[in-house]
Amino acid sequence: MAAAGVRFEKSFCTAPQCSPSRASLHTGRYPHSAGVMGLAHPPFGWRLDPRERHIAHLLAEAGYSTTLVGMQHLVEHGAELELGYTRVLPVAPAYSEADAAIALLGDLARQDRPFYLEL
């Protein structure tokens, strides 16, 4: 899988906090442009601006199967489908999420469409 993937050799983080950094990573925009200036979880409550296009949205529109395994920290828990995921697995301990992702990769590889798996 890595041989056919993309390798980032020179990169940087747009923000030191989790949610703003993820907002940049998933939208290609700076945190303040994406509407996430701080952490998304309570009590902070920053949220990806609904007008922003998350990569899962873009890929789903292009025909990809889009799956989230684990935390996303851009919208409140339970609103992950707003980001464009077609499937969201429950948040679990890391080893359980890793096992779920490995099992899911087998299923995704057998499909006749490209996939985006965020873990």
N, C-alpha and C. Protein backbone atom coordinates (compact mmCIF):
# COMPACT_ATOMS: atom_id res chain seq x y z
N MET A 1 0.83 -1.19 0.00
CA MET A 1 0.00 0.00 0.00
C MET A 1 0.88 1.26 0.00
N ALA A 2 1.95 1.27 0.77
CA ALA A 2 2.80 2.45 0.84
C ALA A 2 3.47 2.75 -0.49
N ALA A 3 3.81 1.71 -1.24
CA ALA A 3 4.48 1.92 -2.53
C ALA A 3 3.58 2.65 -3.52
N ALA A 4 2.28 2.47 -3.39
CA ALA A 4 1.33 3.13 -4.30
C ALA A 4 0.75 4.40 -3.69
N GLY A 5 1.19 4.76 -2.49
CA GLY A 5 0.64 5.91 -1.80
C GLY A 5 1.44 7.18 -2.05
N VAL A 6 1.22 8.16 -1.19
CA VAL A 6 1.89 9.45 -1.27
C VAL A 6 2.78 9.60 -0.04
N ARG A 7 3.98 10.08 -0.26
CA ARG A 7 4.90 10.32 0.85
C ARG A 7 5.18 11.80 0.97
N PHE A 8 4.98 12.35 2.16
CA PHE A 8 5.25 13.76 2.42
C PHE A 8 6.63 13.87 3.05
N GLU A 9 7.60 14.41 2.33
CA GLU A 9 8.95 14.53 2.84
C GLU A 9 9.21 15.87 3.50
N LYS A 10 8.50 16.90 3.10
CA LYS A 10 8.66 18.22 3.68
C LYS A 10 7.28 18.75 4.02
N SER A 11 6.99 18.86 5.30
CA SER A 11 5.69 19.34 5.71
C SER A 11 5.83 20.13 7.00
N PHE A 12 4.78 20.82 7.37
CA PHE A 12 4.78 21.56 8.62
C PHE A 12 3.37 21.57 9.17
N CYS A 13 3.25 21.92 10.41
CA CYS A 13 1.97 21.97 11.11
C CYS A 13 1.51 23.42 11.17
N THR A 14 0.26 23.68 10.80
CA THR A 14 -0.25 25.05 10.80
C THR A 14 -0.67 25.53 12.18
N ALA A 15 -0.85 24.61 13.13
CA ALA A 15 -1.25 24.98 14.48
C ALA A 15 -0.79 23.89 15.45
N PRO A 16 -0.43 24.27 16.69
CA PRO A 16 0.04 23.27 17.63
C PRO A 16 -1.07 22.47 18.30
N GLN A 17 -2.33 22.88 18.15
CA GLN A 17 -3.42 22.14 18.77
C GLN A 17 -4.03 21.16 17.77
N CYS A 18 -4.64 20.12 18.29
CA CYS A 18 -5.19 19.04 17.48
C CYS A 18 -6.25 19.52 16.49
N SER A 19 -7.31 20.13 16.97
CA SER A 19 -8.43 20.48 16.09
C SER A 19 -8.05 21.47 14.99
N PRO A 20 -7.37 22.58 15.29
CA PRO A 20 -6.99 23.48 14.21
C PRO A 20 -6.05 22.82 13.18
N SER A 21 -5.14 21.99 13.67
CA SER A 21 -4.22 21.31 12.77
C SER A 21 -4.99 20.34 11.86
N ARG A 22 -5.93 19.61 12.42
CA ARG A 22 -6.76 18.70 11.61
C ARG A 22 -7.61 19.47 10.61
N ALA A 23 -8.12 20.61 11.01
CA ALA A 23 -8.92 21.41 10.09
C ALA A 23 -8.10 21.79 8.86
N SER A 24 -6.86 22.17 9.08
CA SER A 24 -5.97 22.50 7.95
C SER A 24 -5.68 21.28 7.10
N LEU A 25 -5.36 20.19 7.74
CA LEU A 25 -5.04 18.96 7.03
C LEU A 25 -6.19 18.48 6.16
N HIS A 26 -7.41 18.59 6.66
CA HIS A 26 -8.57 18.05 5.96
C HIS A 26 -9.24 19.02 5.00
N THR A 27 -8.89 20.29 5.07
CA THR A 27 -9.51 21.26 4.15
C THR A 27 -8.49 21.93 3.24
N GLY A 28 -7.21 21.89 3.63
CA GLY A 28 -6.19 22.58 2.86
C GLY A 28 -6.16 24.08 3.14
N ARG A 29 -6.86 24.50 4.19
CA ARG A 29 -6.93 25.92 4.54
C ARG A 29 -6.38 26.15 5.94
N TYR A 30 -6.01 27.39 6.22
CA TYR A 30 -5.54 27.71 7.56
C TYR A 30 -6.68 27.57 8.56
N PRO A 31 -6.36 27.29 9.82
CA PRO A 31 -7.41 27.09 10.83
C PRO A 31 -8.40 28.25 10.91
N HIS A 32 -7.91 29.48 10.88
CA HIS A 32 -8.83 30.62 10.99
C HIS A 32 -9.75 30.71 9.78
N SER A 33 -9.32 30.25 8.62
CA SER A 33 -10.18 30.25 7.44
C SER A 33 -11.21 29.13 7.50
N ALA A 34 -10.84 28.03 8.14
CA ALA A 34 -11.75 26.88 8.26
C ALA A 34 -12.70 27.02 9.44
N GLY A 35 -12.47 28.03 10.29
CA GLY A 35 -13.36 28.26 11.43
C GLY A 35 -12.98 27.53 12.70
N VAL A 36 -11.79 26.95 12.75
CA VAL A 36 -11.38 26.19 13.93
C VAL A 36 -10.14 26.83 14.54
N MET A 37 -10.38 27.72 15.48
CA MET A 37 -9.28 28.44 16.11
C MET A 37 -8.81 27.79 17.41
N GLY A 38 -9.52 26.78 17.87
CA GLY A 38 -9.16 26.09 19.10
C GLY A 38 -9.69 24.67 19.06
N LEU A 39 -9.69 24.02 20.20
CA LEU A 39 -10.11 22.62 20.29
C LEU A 39 -11.61 22.46 20.09
N ALA A 40 -11.99 21.37 19.44
CA ALA A 40 -13.40 21.14 19.11
C ALA A 40 -14.17 20.50 20.26
N HIS A 41 -13.50 19.81 21.14
CA HIS A 41 -14.22 19.09 22.20
C HIS A 41 -14.63 20.06 23.33
N PRO A 42 -15.66 19.66 24.12
CA PRO A 42 -16.09 20.50 25.24
C PRO A 42 -14.94 20.68 26.23
N PRO A 43 -14.84 21.79 26.86
CA PRO A 43 -15.77 22.92 26.89
C PRO A 43 -15.49 23.97 25.82
N PHE A 44 -14.57 23.72 24.89
CA PHE A 44 -14.14 24.74 23.94
C PHE A 44 -15.14 24.91 22.80
N GLY A 45 -15.47 23.83 22.12
CA GLY A 45 -16.55 23.85 21.14
C GLY A 45 -16.28 24.50 19.79
N TRP A 46 -15.03 24.66 19.39
CA TRP A 46 -14.78 25.14 18.04
C TRP A 46 -15.26 24.08 17.07
N ARG A 47 -15.69 24.52 15.87
CA ARG A 47 -16.29 23.59 14.93
C ARG A 47 -15.92 23.99 13.52
N LEU A 48 -15.68 23.00 12.67
CA LEU A 48 -15.41 23.28 11.26
C LEU A 48 -16.60 24.02 10.67
N ASP A 49 -16.33 25.12 10.01
CA ASP A 49 -17.38 25.91 9.37
C ASP A 49 -18.14 25.02 8.38
N PRO A 50 -19.47 24.97 8.46
CA PRO A 50 -20.25 24.10 7.57
C PRO A 50 -20.05 24.39 6.08
N ARG A 51 -19.54 25.58 5.75
CA ARG A 51 -19.29 25.90 4.33
C ARG A 51 -17.98 25.32 3.82
N GLU A 52 -17.15 24.82 4.75
CA GLU A 52 -15.86 24.25 4.36
C GLU A 52 -16.03 22.87 3.76
N ARG A 53 -15.15 22.52 2.86
CA ARG A 53 -15.18 21.22 2.18
C ARG A 53 -14.11 20.32 2.77
N HIS A 54 -14.51 19.35 3.54
CA HIS A 54 -13.62 18.35 4.11
C HIS A 54 -13.20 17.39 2.99
N ILE A 55 -12.01 16.86 3.06
CA ILE A 55 -11.52 15.96 2.02
C ILE A 55 -12.44 14.75 1.84
N ALA A 56 -13.08 14.29 2.90
CA ALA A 56 -14.01 13.16 2.78
C ALA A 56 -15.18 13.52 1.87
N HIS A 57 -15.65 14.78 1.95
CA HIS A 57 -16.71 15.25 1.04
C HIS A 57 -16.26 15.19 -0.41
N LEU A 58 -15.09 15.75 -0.65
CA LEU A 58 -14.57 15.82 -2.02
C LEU A 58 -14.37 14.43 -2.61
N LEU A 59 -13.81 13.54 -1.81
CA LEU A 59 -13.55 12.19 -2.31
C LEU A 59 -14.85 11.40 -2.48
N ALA A 60 -15.81 11.57 -1.58
CA ALA A 60 -17.11 10.89 -1.72
C ALA A 60 -17.79 11.33 -3.01
N GLU A 61 -17.72 12.63 -3.31
CA GLU A 61 -18.32 13.14 -4.55
C GLU A 61 -17.61 12.57 -5.78
N ALA A 62 -16.35 12.20 -5.63
CA ALA A 62 -15.57 11.63 -6.75
C ALA A 62 -15.75 10.11 -6.84
N GLY A 63 -16.62 9.54 -6.00
CA GLY A 63 -16.90 8.12 -6.08
C GLY A 63 -16.18 7.24 -5.09
N TYR A 64 -15.45 7.83 -4.16
CA TYR A 64 -14.73 7.05 -3.16
C TYR A 64 -15.66 6.59 -2.04
N SER A 65 -15.35 5.45 -1.49
CA SER A 65 -15.92 5.02 -0.22
C SER A 65 -15.10 5.74 0.85
N THR A 66 -15.75 6.42 1.79
CA THR A 66 -15.02 7.19 2.80
C THR A 66 -15.37 6.68 4.19
N THR A 67 -14.35 6.27 4.93
CA THR A 67 -14.58 5.69 6.25
C THR A 67 -13.69 6.37 7.29
N LEU A 68 -14.27 6.65 8.44
CA LEU A 68 -13.54 7.20 9.58
C LEU A 68 -13.45 6.12 10.66
N VAL A 69 -12.24 5.89 11.13
CA VAL A 69 -12.00 5.01 12.27
C VAL A 69 -11.28 5.86 13.31
N GLY A 70 -11.91 6.09 14.45
CA GLY A 70 -11.28 6.88 15.51
C GLY A 70 -11.84 8.29 15.60
N MET A 71 -11.07 9.15 16.25
CA MET A 71 -11.51 10.52 16.52
C MET A 71 -11.31 11.42 15.31
N GLN A 72 -12.15 12.45 15.21
CA GLN A 72 -11.99 13.40 14.12
C GLN A 72 -11.79 14.84 14.63
N HIS A 73 -12.30 15.22 15.77
CA HIS A 73 -12.04 16.52 16.42
C HIS A 73 -12.31 17.74 15.53
N LEU A 74 -13.32 17.68 14.67
CA LEU A 74 -13.68 18.85 13.85
C LEU A 74 -15.13 19.26 14.03
N VAL A 75 -15.97 18.31 14.35
CA VAL A 75 -17.38 18.57 14.68
C VAL A 75 -17.69 17.73 15.92
N GLU A 76 -18.83 18.00 16.53
CA GLU A 76 -19.17 17.25 17.73
C GLU A 76 -19.38 15.77 17.41
N HIS A 77 -19.12 14.94 18.41
CA HIS A 77 -19.29 13.49 18.25
C HIS A 77 -20.73 13.20 17.82
N GLY A 78 -20.89 12.38 16.81
CA GLY A 78 -22.21 12.05 16.28
C GLY A 78 -22.53 12.79 15.00
N ALA A 79 -21.75 13.82 14.67
CA ALA A 79 -22.00 14.62 13.46
C ALA A 79 -20.98 14.32 12.36
N GLU A 80 -20.27 13.21 12.47
CA GLU A 80 -19.19 12.89 11.53
C GLU A 80 -19.67 12.77 10.08
N LEU A 81 -20.90 12.33 9.87
CA LEU A 81 -21.40 12.18 8.50
C LEU A 81 -21.47 13.53 7.78
N GLU A 82 -21.59 14.61 8.54
CA GLU A 82 -21.57 15.96 7.94
C GLU A 82 -20.26 16.23 7.21
N LEU A 83 -19.19 15.57 7.64
CA LEU A 83 -17.88 15.79 7.04
C LEU A 83 -17.71 15.06 5.72
N GLY A 84 -18.63 14.15 5.39
CA GLY A 84 -18.55 13.45 4.12
C GLY A 84 -18.23 11.98 4.22
N TYR A 85 -18.10 11.47 5.42
CA TYR A 85 -17.83 10.04 5.57
C TYR A 85 -19.08 9.25 5.23
N THR A 86 -18.91 8.13 4.52
CA THR A 86 -20.04 7.26 4.24
C THR A 86 -20.19 6.20 5.32
N ARG A 87 -19.13 6.01 6.10
CA ARG A 87 -19.17 5.05 7.20
C ARG A 87 -18.29 5.58 8.32
N VAL A 88 -18.79 5.45 9.56
CA VAL A 88 -18.03 5.87 10.74
C VAL A 88 -18.04 4.72 11.73
N LEU A 89 -16.87 4.23 12.07
CA LEU A 89 -16.77 3.17 13.08
C LEU A 89 -16.72 3.80 14.46
N PRO A 90 -17.24 3.12 15.47
CA PRO A 90 -17.24 3.70 16.81
C PRO A 90 -15.82 3.93 17.34
N VAL A 91 -15.68 4.97 18.14
CA VAL A 91 -14.40 5.25 18.79
C VAL A 91 -14.16 4.15 19.82
N ALA A 92 -12.95 3.63 19.85
CA ALA A 92 -12.60 2.53 20.74
C ALA A 92 -11.14 2.68 21.15
N PRO A 93 -10.65 1.82 22.03
CA PRO A 93 -9.22 1.85 22.34
C PRO A 93 -8.40 1.64 21.06
N ALA A 94 -7.21 2.19 21.03
CA ALA A 94 -6.38 2.20 19.82
C ALA A 94 -6.17 0.80 19.23
N TYR A 95 -5.92 -0.20 20.06
CA TYR A 95 -5.70 -1.54 19.52
C TYR A 95 -6.95 -2.09 18.84
N SER A 96 -8.12 -1.76 19.37
CA SER A 96 -9.37 -2.20 18.75
C SER A 96 -9.60 -1.48 17.42
N GLU A 97 -9.28 -0.19 17.39
CA GLU A 97 -9.42 0.56 16.14
C GLU A 97 -8.45 0.04 15.09
N ALA A 98 -7.24 -0.32 15.49
CA ALA A 98 -6.26 -0.87 14.55
C ALA A 98 -6.77 -2.19 13.97
N ASP A 99 -7.30 -3.05 14.83
CA ASP A 99 -7.85 -4.33 14.35
C ASP A 99 -9.02 -4.10 13.39
N ALA A 100 -9.89 -3.15 13.72
CA ALA A 100 -11.03 -2.85 12.86
C ALA A 100 -10.56 -2.32 11.50
N ALA A 101 -9.55 -1.47 11.52
CA ALA A 101 -9.02 -0.90 10.27
C ALA A 101 -8.39 -1.99 9.41
N ILE A 102 -7.66 -2.90 10.02
CA ILE A 102 -7.04 -3.99 9.26
C ILE A 102 -8.11 -4.85 8.61
N ALA A 103 -9.14 -5.19 9.36
CA ALA A 103 -10.24 -5.99 8.80
C ALA A 103 -10.95 -5.23 7.68
N LEU A 104 -11.14 -3.95 7.89
CA LEU A 104 -11.82 -3.12 6.91
C LEU A 104 -11.01 -3.00 5.62
N LEU A 105 -9.70 -2.93 5.72
CA LEU A 105 -8.87 -2.83 4.53
C LEU A 105 -9.10 -4.00 3.58
N GLY A 106 -9.28 -5.18 4.12
CA GLY A 106 -9.57 -6.34 3.29
C GLY A 106 -10.87 -6.17 2.52
N ASP A 107 -11.90 -5.69 3.23
CA ASP A 107 -13.20 -5.46 2.57
C ASP A 107 -13.09 -4.36 1.52
N LEU A 108 -12.42 -3.29 1.84
CA LEU A 108 -12.29 -2.17 0.92
C LEU A 108 -11.50 -2.55 -0.33
N ALA A 109 -10.48 -3.36 -0.15
CA ALA A 109 -9.65 -3.77 -1.28
C ALA A 109 -10.42 -4.63 -2.28
N ARG A 110 -11.45 -5.33 -1.81
CA ARG A 110 -12.25 -6.18 -2.68
C ARG A 110 -13.34 -5.41 -3.43
N GLN A 111 -13.58 -4.18 -3.04
CA GLN A 111 -14.61 -3.37 -3.71
C GLN A 111 -14.11 -2.92 -5.07
N ASP A 112 -15.07 -2.51 -5.88
CA ASP A 112 -14.74 -2.04 -7.22
C ASP A 112 -14.61 -0.52 -7.28
N ARG A 113 -14.36 0.12 -6.16
CA ARG A 113 -14.24 1.57 -6.15
C ARG A 113 -13.08 1.98 -5.26
N PRO A 114 -12.53 3.15 -5.47
CA PRO A 114 -11.43 3.62 -4.61
C PRO A 114 -11.96 3.92 -3.21
N PHE A 115 -11.04 3.98 -2.25
CA PHE A 115 -11.49 4.27 -0.89
C PHE A 115 -10.56 5.25 -0.20
N TYR A 116 -11.12 5.91 0.79
CA TYR A 116 -10.38 6.80 1.69
C TYR A 116 -10.67 6.29 3.10
N LEU A 117 -9.64 5.84 3.78
CA LEU A 117 -9.76 5.35 5.15
C LEU A 117 -8.97 6.26 6.05
N GLU A 118 -9.64 6.93 6.94
CA GLU A 118 -8.97 7.80 7.90
C GLU A 118 -8.92 7.11 9.25
N LEU A 119 -7.72 6.93 9.74
CA LEU A 119 -7.54 6.24 11.00
C LEU A 119 -6.77 7.13 11.95
